[in-house]
Amino acid sequence: MADIKAAFEKAVKESKELPEKPDNQTLLKIYGLYKQASEGDNAGKRPGFTDMVGRMKFDAWAELKGKSGPEAMQEYIDLIESLK
């Protein structure tokens, strides 16, 4: 578990140094995987209709409900590696 946590933290750092900014769908996937890996299932309330960005982020995270922390970490690591 310590190995995946270290690799996840390295990938988080590397995500800020990508050669190109990913498209919005990819950014939402990165966000959702990060939140699922670091906080677990989304237990918050979906933002209102006027907060479209907040709703999209909420939905990206909520789609991952039930995914384990280590599994989300590995998917995050794999996604960041594919973007380098």
Protein backbone atom coordinates (compact mmCIF):
# COMPACT_ATOMS: atom_id res chain seq x y z
CA MET A 1 0.00 0.00 0.00
CA ALA A 2 2.89 2.37 0.76
CA ASP A 3 4.26 1.84 -2.76
CA ILE A 4 1.02 2.81 -4.48
CA LYS A 5 0.61 5.82 -2.17
CA ALA A 6 4.12 7.04 -3.06
CA ALA A 7 3.48 6.46 -6.77
CA PHE A 8 0.15 8.31 -6.47
CA GLU A 9 1.79 11.31 -4.78
CA LYS A 10 4.46 11.33 -7.53
CA ALA A 11 1.74 11.24 -10.21
CA VAL A 12 -0.09 14.14 -8.52
CA LYS A 13 3.12 16.19 -8.69
CA GLU A 14 3.67 15.16 -12.32
CA SER A 15 0.07 16.10 -13.23
CA LYS A 16 1.02 19.74 -12.65
CA GLU A 17 3.94 19.44 -15.08
CA LEU A 18 2.27 17.84 -18.10
CA PRO A 19 3.56 19.04 -21.50
CA GLU A 20 0.02 20.00 -22.63
CA LYS A 21 -3.13 20.88 -20.75
CA PRO A 22 -5.57 17.95 -21.11
CA ASP A 23 -9.05 18.47 -22.56
CA ASN A 24 -11.94 19.16 -20.19
CA GLN A 25 -13.21 15.56 -20.12
CA THR A 26 -9.75 14.31 -19.17
CA LEU A 27 -9.42 17.02 -16.52
CA LEU A 28 -12.73 15.90 -15.01
CA LYS A 29 -11.54 12.28 -14.99
CA ILE A 30 -8.30 13.35 -13.26
CA TYR A 31 -10.31 15.31 -10.71
CA GLY A 32 -12.74 12.47 -10.02
CA LEU A 33 -9.98 9.88 -9.63
CA TYR A 34 -8.00 12.18 -7.34
CA LYS A 35 -11.00 12.84 -5.09
CA GLN A 36 -11.99 9.16 -4.99
CA ALA A 37 -8.42 8.09 -4.19
CA SER A 38 -7.88 10.71 -1.50
CA GLU A 39 -11.35 11.04 0.07
CA GLY A 40 -13.42 8.01 -0.96
CA ASP A 41 -17.05 8.13 -2.08
CA ASN A 42 -18.63 11.52 -2.65
CA ALA A 43 -21.07 12.12 0.19
CA GLY A 44 -21.79 15.78 -0.53
CA LYS A 45 -24.81 17.43 -2.07
CA ARG A 46 -24.84 18.07 -5.82
CA PRO A 47 -24.33 21.79 -6.56
CA GLY A 48 -27.26 23.79 -7.87
CA PHE A 49 -28.15 24.34 -11.51
CA THR A 50 -26.31 27.68 -11.67
CA ASP A 51 -22.96 26.09 -10.73
CA MET A 52 -22.29 24.09 -13.89
CA VAL A 53 -18.58 23.55 -13.21
CA GLY A 54 -19.33 22.35 -9.69
CA ARG A 55 -21.98 19.98 -11.02
CA MET A 56 -19.61 18.53 -13.61
CA LYS A 57 -16.92 17.98 -10.97
CA PHE A 58 -19.47 16.44 -8.61
CA ASP A 59 -20.70 14.08 -11.34
CA ALA A 60 -17.15 13.08 -12.35
CA TRP A 61 -16.44 12.10 -8.74
CA ALA A 62 -19.84 10.48 -8.13
CA GLU A 63 -19.36 8.18 -11.17
CA LEU A 64 -16.53 6.49 -9.27
CA LYS A 65 -18.64 5.62 -6.23
CA GLY A 66 -17.64 2.26 -4.77
CA LYS A 67 -14.16 2.22 -6.34
CA SER A 68 -11.50 1.47 -3.73
CA GLY A 69 -8.80 4.01 -2.88
CA PRO A 70 -5.93 1.89 -4.20
CA GLU A 71 -7.86 1.13 -7.40
CA ALA A 72 -8.56 4.85 -7.98
CA MET A 73 -4.91 5.65 -7.23
CA GLN A 74 -3.73 3.13 -9.83
CA GLU A 75 -6.12 4.47 -12.47
CA TYR A 76 -4.94 8.03 -11.68
CA ILE A 77 -1.29 6.97 -12.02
CA ASP A 78 -2.00 5.19 -15.33
CA LEU A 79 -3.89 8.19 -16.70
CA ILE A 80 -1.15 10.67 -15.83
CA GLU A 81 1.47 8.33 -17.35
CA SER A 82 -0.54 8.20 -20.59
CA LEU A 83 -0.59 12.00 -20.78
CA LYS A 84 3.18 12.48 -20.46
